[in-house]
Protein backbone atom coordinates (compact mmCIF):
# COMPACT_ATOMS: atom_id res chain seq x y z
CA GLN A 1 109.41 105.18 138.01
CA ALA A 2 110.55 101.66 137.49
CA LYS A 3 107.57 100.44 136.59
CA LEU A 4 106.86 103.07 133.79
CA ARG A 5 110.42 102.09 132.46
CA SER A 6 109.17 98.68 132.05
CA SER A 7 106.03 99.47 130.49
CA SER A 8 104.32 99.99 127.18
CA VAL A 9 101.84 101.68 125.56
CA LEU A 10 100.02 101.63 122.09
CA VAL A 11 98.62 105.08 121.07
CA VAL A 12 96.12 104.90 118.19
CA GLY A 13 96.00 107.77 116.61
CA ALA A 14 98.20 110.83 116.44
CA GLY A 15 95.91 113.70 115.83
CA ALA A 16 94.70 116.24 118.35
CA LEU A 17 93.84 113.77 121.39
CA GLY A 18 97.47 112.07 120.38
CA CYS A 19 99.48 115.11 120.46
CA GLY A 20 97.92 116.08 123.90
CA CYS A 21 98.61 112.70 125.22
CA LEU A 22 102.18 111.57 123.61
CA PRO A 23 104.72 114.02 124.99
CA TYR A 24 103.61 113.44 128.67
CA LEU A 25 103.72 109.73 128.34
CA VAL A 26 107.26 110.41 126.30
CA ARG A 27 108.55 112.89 129.37
CA ALA A 28 107.25 110.54 131.98
CA GLY A 29 109.76 107.89 130.91
CA VAL A 30 107.17 105.02 129.48
CA GLY A 31 109.48 102.59 128.39
CA GLN A 32 107.83 101.67 124.92
CA ILE A 33 105.46 103.78 123.02
CA THR A 34 104.19 103.14 119.73
CA VAL A 35 101.98 105.65 117.73
CA CYS A 36 99.77 104.15 114.89
CA ASP A 37 98.17 106.50 112.06
CA GLY A 38 97.77 106.49 108.60
CA ASP A 39 96.83 109.99 107.86
CA THR A 40 98.99 112.59 106.79
CA VAL A 41 99.63 116.46 108.36
CA GLU A 42 97.32 118.97 106.89
CA LEU A 43 97.08 122.45 107.10
CA SER A 44 93.58 122.43 108.72
CA ASN A 45 95.40 119.86 111.47
CA LEU A 46 97.63 122.51 112.97
CA HIS A 47 95.65 124.61 115.29
CA ARG A 48 95.22 121.66 117.12
CA GLN A 49 97.75 119.19 116.38
CA ILE A 50 100.19 120.72 118.26
CA LEU A 51 103.17 118.33 117.12
CA PHE A 52 103.17 119.35 113.90
CA HIS A 53 104.36 122.40 111.79
CA GLU A 54 103.34 123.84 108.16
CA LEU A 55 106.73 121.99 107.06
CA ASP A 56 105.26 118.64 107.85
CA ILE A 57 102.09 119.09 105.55
CA GLY A 58 101.91 115.90 103.39
CA ARG A 59 103.93 113.94 105.89
CA ASN A 60 102.47 111.04 108.12
CA LYS A 61 101.60 111.98 111.38
CA ALA A 62 102.73 109.00 113.15
CA GLU A 63 106.41 109.32 111.74
CA VAL A 64 106.26 113.04 112.27
CA ALA A 65 105.11 112.46 115.59
CA ALA A 66 107.83 109.99 116.42
CA GLU A 67 110.45 111.93 115.18
CA ARG A 68 109.76 115.09 117.65
CA LEU A 69 108.87 112.87 120.42
CA ARG A 70 112.51 111.11 120.22
CA SER A 71 114.01 114.14 120.79
CA SER A 72 112.30 114.88 124.17
CA ASN A 73 113.37 111.58 125.72
CA SER A 74 116.12 109.39 124.07
CA GLY A 75 115.56 106.76 126.65
CA VAL A 76 111.92 105.91 125.52
CA ASP A 77 111.94 103.35 122.49
CA ILE A 78 109.13 105.22 120.58
CA MET A 79 108.11 103.22 117.21
CA ALA A 80 105.75 104.51 114.34
CA VAL A 81 103.33 102.68 112.45
CA PRO A 82 102.37 104.72 109.44
CA ARG A 83 98.84 103.01 108.75
CA HIS A 84 95.55 102.98 110.40
CA CYS A 85 94.67 100.20 112.81
CA GLY A 86 92.30 97.18 111.79
CA TYR A 87 91.38 93.63 111.85
CA ASP A 88 94.46 92.50 110.72
CA LYS A 89 97.39 90.12 112.44
CA GLN A 90 99.76 93.11 113.06
CA THR A 91 97.25 95.46 114.69
CA ILE A 92 96.31 92.55 117.14
CA MET A 93 99.42 91.26 117.70
CA ARG A 94 100.40 95.25 118.83
CA VAL A 95 97.33 95.13 120.83
CA LYS A 96 98.48 91.60 122.71
CA SER A 97 102.22 93.14 123.23
CA HIS A 98 101.43 96.13 124.75
CA ASP A 99 100.30 96.89 128.61
CA ILE A 100 98.09 99.53 127.92
CA ILE A 101 95.97 100.89 124.92
CA ALA A 102 95.12 104.46 124.22
CA ASP A 103 92.39 105.30 121.93
CA CYS A 104 93.17 108.79 120.37
CA SER A 105 91.19 108.40 117.01
CA ASP A 106 88.06 109.58 117.77
CA ASN A 107 86.20 107.41 115.55
CA VAL A 108 83.64 104.98 116.77
CA GLY A 109 84.53 102.17 114.68
CA THR A 110 88.06 102.32 115.82
CA ARG A 111 86.22 102.39 119.38
CA TYR A 112 84.25 99.18 118.69
CA PHE A 113 87.64 97.47 117.21
CA LEU A 114 89.67 98.34 120.09
CA ASN A 115 87.20 97.56 122.83
CA ASP A 116 87.01 93.92 121.45
CA ALA A 117 90.39 93.59 121.01
CA CYS A 118 91.36 94.76 124.38
CA LEU A 119 88.73 92.48 126.27
CA LEU A 120 89.42 89.48 124.30
CA ALA A 121 93.21 90.00 125.26
CA GLY A 122 92.94 91.22 128.37
CA LYS A 123 94.05 94.67 128.30
CA ILE A 124 92.89 97.97 129.51
CA LEU A 125 91.44 100.48 127.01
CA VAL A 126 91.79 104.36 128.07
CA VAL A 127 89.23 106.47 125.25
CA ALA A 128 89.54 109.94 124.62
CA ALA A 129 87.21 112.17 122.40
CA ALA A 130 86.29 115.46 121.72
CA LEU A 131 83.93 117.84 119.69
CA GLY A 132 83.38 121.52 119.90
CA THR A 133 84.09 122.74 123.48
CA GLU A 134 83.27 119.32 124.95
CA GLY A 135 84.78 115.86 125.46
CA SER A 136 85.33 112.78 127.27
CA LEU A 137 87.62 110.19 129.00
CA THR A 138 86.81 106.82 129.68
CA ARG A 139 88.44 103.95 131.02
CA TRP A 140 87.37 100.31 129.68
CA ASN A 141 87.80 96.74 130.51
CA TYR A 142 89.17 98.08 133.91
CA SER A 143 89.29 95.51 136.74
CA SER A 144 85.70 94.25 136.99
CA GLY A 145 84.11 97.18 135.21
CA PRO A 146 82.24 97.46 131.60
CA CYS A 147 83.48 97.37 128.24
CA TYR A 148 82.45 100.02 125.78
CA ARG A 149 79.50 97.28 124.28
CA CYS A 150 77.70 97.37 127.81
CA VAL A 151 77.15 100.89 127.44
CA SER A 152 76.59 101.45 123.87
CA PRO A 153 75.90 98.11 122.48
CA ALA A 154 75.52 99.70 118.75
CA PRO A 155 76.62 102.77 117.10
CA SER A 156 73.89 105.64 116.70
CA HIS A 157 73.83 107.45 113.17
CA HIS A 158 74.68 110.65 114.80
CA GLU A 159 77.66 108.93 116.77
CA SER A 160 79.04 106.96 113.85
CA HIS A 161 80.48 110.15 111.76
CA ARG A 162 80.80 112.98 113.62
CA GLN A 163 84.07 114.50 113.34
CA CYS A 164 86.28 117.19 114.18
CA ALA A 165 87.27 118.15 110.63
CA ASP A 166 83.47 118.38 109.88
CA ASP A 167 81.51 119.90 113.19
CA GLY A 168 84.86 121.63 114.53
CA VAL A 169 86.49 121.58 117.57
CA LEU A 170 88.18 124.63 119.83
CA GLY A 171 92.00 123.52 119.54
CA PRO A 172 92.68 123.29 123.40
CA VAL A 173 89.92 120.94 124.06
CA PRO A 174 91.57 117.82 122.28
CA GLY A 175 94.97 118.90 124.07
CA ALA A 176 92.86 119.01 127.25
CA LEU A 177 91.76 115.72 126.85
CA GLY A 178 94.73 114.04 125.62
CA ALA A 179 96.61 115.25 128.57
CA LEU A 180 94.37 114.03 131.07
CA GLN A 181 94.11 110.38 129.10
CA ALA A 182 97.97 110.37 129.37
CA LEU A 183 97.38 111.34 133.42
CA ASP A 184 94.46 108.34 133.67
CA ILE A 185 97.52 105.79 132.00
CA LEU A 186 100.16 106.78 133.83
CA HIS A 187 97.57 106.11 137.08
CA CYS A 188 96.86 102.47 135.82
CA LEU A 189 100.70 101.84 134.77
CA SER A 190 101.96 102.97 138.32
CA GLY A 191 98.86 101.65 140.62
CA LEU A 192 98.19 105.03 141.65
CA GLY A 193 94.87 106.60 141.69
CA ASN A 194 92.83 103.75 141.54
CA THR A 195 89.47 105.74 140.25
CA GLY A 196 87.62 102.35 138.85
CA SER A 197 85.21 102.51 135.87
CA VAL A 198 84.51 106.59 135.60
CA LEU A 199 83.16 108.42 132.60
CA ARG A 200 84.69 112.16 132.81
CA VAL A 201 82.83 114.83 130.87
CA PHE A 202 84.58 117.96 129.76
CA ASP A 203 82.90 120.83 128.71
CA GLY A 204 85.60 123.54 128.20
CA PHE A 205 85.13 125.04 131.87
CA SER A 206 84.82 121.74 134.17
CA LEU A 207 85.61 118.68 134.67
CA ARG A 208 82.59 116.16 135.78
CA PRO A 209 82.95 112.49 136.76
CA PHE A 210 80.03 109.98 136.56
CA ARG A 211 80.32 106.47 137.89
CA LEU A 212 79.68 103.83 134.92
CA PRO A 213 77.14 101.08 135.16
CA PRO A 214 78.37 97.71 136.05
CA LYS A 215 79.00 94.77 133.41
CA ARG A 216 76.16 94.36 131.27
CA ARG A 217 74.72 90.94 131.70
CA ASN A 218 73.52 90.50 128.20
CA CYS A 219 76.59 92.53 126.64
CA ALA A 220 77.24 90.73 123.29
CA LEU A 221 81.25 90.62 124.18
CA CYS A 222 81.54 90.66 127.88
CA GLY A 223 78.18 88.77 129.03
CA VAL A 224 76.94 85.68 130.33
CA ALA A 225 76.44 84.34 127.06
CA PRO A 226 78.70 86.47 124.23
CA SER A 227 77.81 86.22 120.78
CA LEU A 228 81.12 87.83 119.89
CA VAL A 229 83.61 85.29 120.92
CA SER A 230 86.58 86.16 118.48
CA LEU A 231 87.83 89.08 116.56
CA ALA A 232 86.55 87.77 113.11
CA ASP A 233 83.02 88.08 114.84
CA SER A 234 83.65 91.54 115.89
CA GLU A 235 84.79 92.36 112.09
CA LYS A 236 81.59 90.46 110.95
CA TRP A 237 79.55 92.65 113.16
CA ALA A 238 81.30 96.17 112.43
CA GLN A 239 80.36 95.16 108.65
CA THR A 240 76.83 94.89 109.14
CA GLN A 241 77.11 98.18 111.42
CA GLY A 242 78.65 100.05 108.26
CA LEU A 243 81.66 100.98 110.42
CA ASP A 244 84.71 101.44 108.96
CA ILE A 245 88.04 101.98 111.35
CA SER A 246 90.02 104.12 108.94
CA SER A 247 90.43 107.50 110.31
CA ASN A 248 88.12 108.96 107.88
CA ASN A 249 85.08 106.65 108.69
CA ARG A 250 84.30 105.95 105.02
CA THR A 251 81.61 103.17 105.11
CA SER A 252 82.26 101.88 101.89
CA ASN A 253 80.56 98.87 102.62
CA LEU A 254 77.01 100.71 102.37
CA CYS A 255 77.68 102.02 98.94
CA PRO A 256 78.31 99.28 96.24
CA THR A 257 81.83 100.19 94.24
CA GLN A 258 79.90 100.61 90.85
CA LEU A 259 77.90 103.55 92.66
CA GLN A 260 81.28 105.22 93.50
CA LEU A 261 82.57 107.90 91.25
CA VAL A 262 85.91 109.84 92.05
CA ASN A 263 85.98 113.50 91.04
CA PRO A 264 87.32 113.43 87.53
CA PHE A 265 84.46 111.10 86.14
CA VAL A 266 82.47 113.63 88.24
CA SER A 267 83.77 116.71 86.54
CA ALA A 268 83.62 115.18 83.34
CA ALA A 269 79.55 113.80 83.81
CA ILE A 270 78.58 117.08 85.03
CA ASN A 271 79.92 119.23 82.01
CA SER A 272 78.37 116.75 79.46
CA SER A 273 74.74 116.99 77.95
CA ALA A 274 73.55 114.27 80.45
CA PRO A 275 70.89 115.30 82.94
CA CYS A 276 72.39 115.27 86.56
CA LEU A 277 71.80 117.02 89.63
CA ILE A 278 74.48 117.45 92.25
CA ILE A 279 73.04 116.80 95.66
CA ASP A 280 74.90 118.36 98.19
CA VAL A 281 74.22 116.99 101.61
CA ARG A 282 76.22 119.15 103.98
CA ASN A 283 74.20 120.94 106.53
CA SER A 284 73.21 124.94 105.74
CA THR A 285 76.13 126.50 107.38
CA GLN A 286 78.87 124.55 105.49
CA PHE A 287 76.48 124.93 102.07
CA SER A 288 76.46 128.75 102.48
CA ILE A 289 80.35 128.61 102.60
CA CYS A 290 80.89 127.18 99.40
CA LYS A 291 79.05 124.78 96.35
CA LEU A 292 79.41 123.76 93.53
CA PRO A 293 77.60 125.52 90.51
CA ASN A 294 73.60 124.48 90.55
CA ALA A 295 74.04 121.92 93.48
CA ILE A 296 70.76 121.60 95.64
CA SER A 297 71.08 121.64 99.60
CA LEU A 298 69.69 118.83 101.00
CA PRO A 299 71.02 117.83 104.53
CA LEU A 300 71.61 114.63 105.37
CA ARG A 301 70.15 115.32 108.89
CA GLY A 302 66.90 115.84 106.88
CA ILE A 303 67.13 112.53 104.92
CA LEU A 304 67.47 110.58 107.44
CA GLN A 305 64.99 112.28 110.17
CA GLN A 306 62.25 112.80 106.85
CA PRO A 307 62.75 110.38 104.63
CA LYS A 308 59.56 111.02 102.60
CA VAL A 309 59.91 114.56 102.63
CA ALA A 310 63.27 114.53 101.12
CA LYS A 311 62.10 111.81 98.68
CA GLU A 312 59.36 114.53 97.38
CA LYS A 313 61.59 117.24 97.24
CA LEU A 314 64.33 115.33 95.20
CA GLN A 315 61.53 114.07 93.04
CA CYS A 316 60.21 117.78 92.45
CA ALA A 317 63.83 118.58 91.10
CA ILE A 318 64.02 115.43 88.91
CA THR A 319 62.71 116.97 85.59
CA LYS A 320 64.04 113.80 83.28
CA GLN A 321 63.78 110.31 84.15
CA ASP A 322 67.18 109.42 83.43
CA THR A 323 68.59 112.02 85.66
CA VAL A 324 71.77 110.74 87.60
CA LEU A 325 72.33 112.17 91.41
CA PHE A 326 75.49 113.00 92.16
CA ILE A 327 75.57 112.86 96.03
CA LEU A 328 78.78 115.18 97.41
CA CYS A 329 79.82 115.93 101.00
CA ARG A 330 82.80 117.61 102.30
CA ARG A 331 84.88 114.39 102.59
CA GLY A 332 82.89 111.46 101.12
CA ILE A 333 81.48 110.32 104.27
CA ASP A 334 78.15 111.92 104.61
CA SER A 335 77.17 111.34 101.08
CA CYS A 336 77.88 107.54 101.99
CA PHE A 337 74.97 107.53 104.49
CA ALA A 338 72.91 109.59 102.03
CA THR A 339 73.75 107.61 99.00
CA HIS A 340 72.70 104.19 100.80
CA THR A 341 69.39 105.95 101.93
CA LEU A 342 68.50 107.20 98.62
CA LEU A 343 68.96 103.81 97.15
CA LYS A 344 66.55 102.67 99.87
CA LEU A 345 64.18 105.11 99.23
CA GLY A 346 63.81 103.59 95.49
CA PHE A 347 66.08 106.21 93.72
CA GLU A 348 68.46 104.18 90.81
CA ASN A 349 70.44 106.65 89.46
CA VAL A 350 72.15 107.70 92.65
CA ARG A 351 76.11 107.93 92.48
CA ASP A 352 78.30 108.86 95.62
CA VAL A 353 81.28 111.10 95.05
CA VAL A 354 84.46 109.58 96.94
CA GLY A 355 86.43 112.02 98.79
CA GLY A 356 84.02 114.76 98.43
CA LEU A 357 84.87 118.57 97.94
CA ASP A 358 87.85 118.05 99.19
CA ALA A 359 88.81 115.64 96.50
CA TRP A 360 87.12 118.06 94.17
CA ARG A 361 89.86 120.78 95.21
CA ARG A 362 92.25 118.60 94.58
CA LYS A 363 91.52 116.82 91.75
CA ALA A 364 89.19 118.58 89.91
CA ASP A 365 89.48 122.84 90.60
CA PRO A 366 92.44 123.58 92.77
CA THR A 367 90.67 126.93 92.94
CA PHE A 368 87.80 125.82 94.96
CA PRO A 369 87.62 127.46 98.75
CA LEU A 370 89.27 125.17 101.16
CA TYR A 371 87.55 125.44 104.86
């Protein structure tokens, strides 16, 4: 208990995973806990983010979580940071000043950043992830074990923008993974239960351990001749991969600012006489739930897997040469990838709708369905 009292944990993310992890760290008596999250509570969060109530909607998650947790153990110093972590001096100093870092963001860009920052600072990183009825728990940079880059040198497109908000998750799954994450952190802090470098996979019914491979000799970060020797190098690499470590994973560097439109301007453009097409890149299930009038369904997966087919379909739909293509998704993440891809395919009049249908509902049409 004395070890826990003198320890500190930085928890990045106060969403479903954080809500599952934080209460156990606080009640176990970890001396100092910092929780970092720039998001606000939404109604759609409540089925899985159990620290929050309906009255908290619109408030910052980190601040609400800290407020609730302080009442459960007054002996723990809990600090709320109401912003996303990133390649800034404050975040880097927080990583260096804590004993263990818990990645509860479920964001691939954040995962690479924290992996790099932790390895360079000599810190252990405990990562949990959850989606659908599945999840995983991994301890990186532990003892002589591998870092995250040893196993995943670069993000796949599939990995880089899958999120609970779009793909769904069964509420208890991230809660269970968060609790297991807290248990692993307590093992590390107390020196008990040395399991080494293990990937634990949870499928909603069972938990299976897999031994991770050893360090990769040619790893860009921890290999024998690393090319990433500072967080400045890591940040440049993240930019080349189109990664953004804010919670919504918006990859604005893939889509030039002049090609991004916010919803009020899109609404005006759609209602004008200028020729335009609304290209909805959500999957067919989401498209069937709700859509804008005259929108054309062209899922992002199809654009990426069969770009020539997607190009032909769009060319058939365009009847006038100066037609503007408004690329739309649920939250403005997939649309950014789609816009980037369509530009490479030769389409010039392409505009990415920032914030997607969620922003459309907030700024243009409050009667539009929320799901």
